[in-house]
Amino acid sequence: MSALNPAGVRSLPDYQEFLYHEAALLDEWRLTEWLNLFAEDAVYEVPTAASAPDVSSDRDLFYIADDHVRLKHRVERLLKVGAHSEWPRSTGTRIVSNVRIVGKRDDGVDVRAAFVTYRSKNDITDTYFGHQHYRISEIDGALRIREKRVFLAMTSLRPHGRVSIIL
């Protein structure tokens, strides 16, 4: 299987454009549209900083371990004026690079990318960086995220100490 075009897989530019679109939706705070990129059985996880790739939310601590229902509630909370950590909401820019197709499974294609997210609020800019691991499926002709895991390449969340945005 070629890393760039395994049999039965869309081309790499299709996945790159999909991830760039996801980043733009988050930058523009279009969270409801962003949520629509996820399959109904999707999971969104952010393990603690510097976690190993095989970490499991069943046995290890995660900053975020959401199924689709929890993710929907997270989006609804962030969009409310009462979302204290994000009201007034922060601004941000996401940079996605090094997008690669790394495998194909029955339930989707494994895609990985490097990222940097800059979040600015109250005259403070926080930087988050690492790698995103996706399982992406084509459902009814559209790409959908079945799994998104954000691995922070940071040794801790200092100085900001939390993740109050969607990475």
Protein backbone atom coordinates (compact mmCIF):
# COMPACT_ATOMS: atom_id res chain seq x y z
CA MET A 1 0.00 0.00 0.00
CA SER A 2 1.46 3.32 -1.05
CA ALA A 3 1.44 5.99 1.66
CA LEU A 4 0.08 8.50 -0.83
CA ASN A 5 -2.67 6.59 -2.58
CA PRO A 6 -3.66 3.20 -1.15
CA ALA A 7 -6.27 1.27 -3.11
CA GLY A 8 -9.81 2.48 -2.43
CA VAL A 9 -8.70 5.70 -0.73
CA ARG A 10 -9.31 9.26 -1.89
CA SER A 11 -6.24 11.24 -2.87
CA LEU A 12 -4.10 13.00 -0.29
CA PRO A 13 -5.24 16.49 -1.45
CA ASP A 14 -8.84 15.50 -0.57
CA TYR A 15 -7.82 14.81 3.03
CA GLN A 16 -5.61 17.90 3.19
CA GLU A 17 -8.48 20.11 2.03
CA PHE A 18 -10.81 18.44 4.54
CA LEU A 19 -8.41 19.14 7.44
CA TYR A 20 -7.85 22.73 6.26
CA HIS A 21 -11.62 23.19 6.13
CA GLU A 22 -11.95 21.81 9.66
CA ALA A 23 -9.29 24.26 10.90
CA ALA A 24 -11.03 27.19 9.16
CA LEU A 25 -14.37 26.32 10.78
CA LEU A 26 -12.73 26.32 14.21
CA ASP A 27 -10.85 29.58 13.51
CA GLU A 28 -14.13 31.20 12.47
CA TRP A 29 -15.96 29.79 15.53
CA ARG A 30 -18.41 27.94 13.28
CA LEU A 31 -18.67 25.15 15.83
CA THR A 32 -22.03 23.76 14.72
CA GLU A 33 -20.68 23.30 11.18
CA TRP A 34 -17.51 21.81 12.64
CA LEU A 35 -19.57 19.30 14.65
CA ASN A 36 -21.29 18.26 11.41
CA LEU A 37 -17.92 16.99 10.13
CA PHE A 38 -18.17 14.14 12.66
CA ALA A 39 -19.91 10.79 12.15
CA GLU A 40 -22.62 9.90 14.65
CA ASP A 41 -20.35 7.27 16.25
CA ALA A 42 -17.32 9.58 16.44
CA VAL A 43 -14.96 10.16 19.33
CA TYR A 44 -12.83 13.24 20.02
CA GLU A 45 -9.98 12.76 22.48
CA VAL A 46 -7.11 14.79 23.86
CA PRO A 47 -4.81 12.68 26.05
CA THR A 48 -2.66 14.41 28.66
CA ALA A 49 0.48 16.14 27.40
CA ALA A 50 3.27 13.86 26.16
CA SER A 51 1.08 10.71 26.19
CA ALA A 52 2.09 7.63 24.24
CA PRO A 53 0.18 6.93 20.99
CA ASP A 54 -1.40 3.75 22.41
CA VAL A 55 -2.92 5.51 25.44
CA SER A 56 -6.53 4.52 26.20
CA SER A 57 -9.26 6.72 27.66
CA ASP A 58 -10.61 3.56 29.34
CA ARG A 59 -7.61 3.35 31.65
CA ASP A 60 -5.71 6.65 31.43
CA LEU A 61 -6.41 10.29 32.25
CA PHE A 62 -7.42 12.46 29.27
CA TYR A 63 -8.07 16.19 29.06
CA ILE A 64 -10.99 15.41 26.75
CA ALA A 65 -12.64 12.06 25.98
CA ASP A 66 -15.90 12.82 24.17
CA ASP A 67 -18.27 10.63 22.22
CA HIS A 68 -20.59 12.39 19.75
CA VAL A 69 -23.20 13.21 22.41
CA ARG A 70 -20.64 14.79 24.74
CA LEU A 71 -19.04 16.62 21.84
CA LYS A 72 -22.41 18.10 20.89
CA HIS A 73 -22.88 19.30 24.50
CA ARG A 74 -19.35 20.79 24.46
CA VAL A 75 -20.18 22.77 21.31
CA GLU A 76 -23.51 23.96 22.76
CA ARG A 77 -21.75 25.12 25.96
CA LEU A 78 -19.01 26.95 24.08
CA LEU A 79 -21.59 28.81 22.00
CA LYS A 80 -23.45 30.12 25.06
CA VAL A 81 -22.73 33.51 26.58
CA GLY A 82 -22.38 31.70 29.91
CA ALA A 83 -19.32 29.77 28.71
CA HIS A 84 -17.05 31.57 31.17
CA SER A 85 -13.78 30.27 29.79
CA GLU A 86 -14.73 31.45 26.30
CA TRP A 87 -16.85 34.56 26.81
CA PRO A 88 -15.94 36.84 25.37
CA ARG A 89 -14.58 34.20 23.09
CA SER A 90 -10.93 33.97 22.28
CA THR A 91 -9.54 34.33 18.79
CA GLY A 92 -7.33 31.76 17.22
CA THR A 93 -5.45 30.50 14.25
CA ARG A 94 -4.74 26.89 13.44
CA ILE A 95 -1.95 25.75 11.18
CA VAL A 96 -2.17 22.22 9.81
CA SER A 97 0.78 20.63 8.01
CA ASN A 98 2.50 17.36 7.16
CA VAL A 99 -0.81 15.66 6.33
CA ARG A 100 -0.25 11.98 5.59
CA ILE A 101 -2.37 8.94 4.86
CA VAL A 102 -0.93 6.27 7.14
CA GLY A 103 -3.35 3.38 6.72
CA LYS A 104 -6.72 2.06 5.66
CA ARG A 105 -9.18 0.07 7.76
CA ASP A 106 -12.66 -1.28 7.16
CA ASP A 107 -14.16 1.73 8.94
CA GLY A 108 -12.02 4.46 7.39
CA VAL A 109 -8.67 5.89 6.48
CA ASP A 110 -6.05 6.81 9.07
CA VAL A 111 -4.73 10.32 8.46
CA ARG A 112 -2.17 12.18 10.54
CA ALA A 113 -1.13 15.80 10.59
CA ALA A 114 1.02 18.17 12.58
CA PHE A 115 -0.64 21.27 14.01
CA VAL A 116 -0.05 24.51 15.85
CA THR A 117 -2.96 26.37 17.44
CA TYR A 118 -2.59 29.92 18.65
CA ARG A 119 -5.27 31.14 21.06
CA SER A 120 -5.44 34.77 22.10
CA LYS A 121 -7.59 36.22 24.88
CA ASN A 122 -7.17 39.02 27.42
CA ASP A 123 -3.82 40.07 25.90
CA ILE A 124 -2.37 36.59 26.38
CA THR A 125 -1.53 34.22 23.53
CA ASP A 126 -1.28 30.51 24.23
CA THR A 127 0.35 28.07 21.84
CA TYR A 128 -0.66 24.42 21.55
CA PHE A 129 1.22 22.10 19.20
CA GLY A 130 1.47 18.44 18.38
CA HIS A 131 -0.04 15.80 16.10
CA GLN A 132 -3.60 14.95 15.18
CA HIS A 133 -4.58 11.37 14.42
CA TYR A 134 -7.81 10.94 12.48
CA ARG A 135 -9.91 8.08 11.22
CA ILE A 136 -11.93 9.50 8.34
CA SER A 137 -14.71 7.70 6.48
CA GLU A 138 -16.73 8.53 3.44
CA ILE A 139 -20.40 8.53 4.48
CA ASP A 140 -23.08 9.35 1.92
CA GLY A 141 -20.44 10.79 -0.40
CA ALA A 142 -18.91 13.14 2.20
CA LEU A 143 -15.83 12.77 4.39
CA ARG A 144 -16.66 12.41 8.09
CA ILE A 145 -14.45 12.13 11.15
CA ARG A 146 -14.92 8.87 13.06
CA GLU A 147 -12.05 9.50 15.44
CA LYS A 148 -9.89 12.50 16.23
CA ARG A 149 -7.08 12.26 18.75
CA VAL A 150 -4.98 15.29 19.50
CA PHE A 151 -1.55 14.47 20.89
CA LEU A 152 0.08 17.51 22.42
CA ALA A 153 3.86 17.54 21.91
CA MET A 154 4.19 19.74 24.97
CA THR A 155 5.44 18.40 28.29
CA SER A 156 2.70 20.27 30.15
CA LEU A 157 -0.05 22.82 29.67
CA ARG A 158 1.92 25.53 31.47
CA PRO A 159 1.60 28.48 31.51
CA HIS A 160 -2.08 28.34 30.49
CA GLY A 161 -2.84 25.17 32.45
CA ARG A 162 -5.99 24.10 30.59
CA VAL A 163 -7.64 23.37 27.28
CA SER A 164 -10.76 25.54 27.01
CA ILE A 165 -10.93 25.55 23.21
CA ILE A 166 -11.31 22.83 20.63
CA LEU A 167 -7.92 21.84 19.25
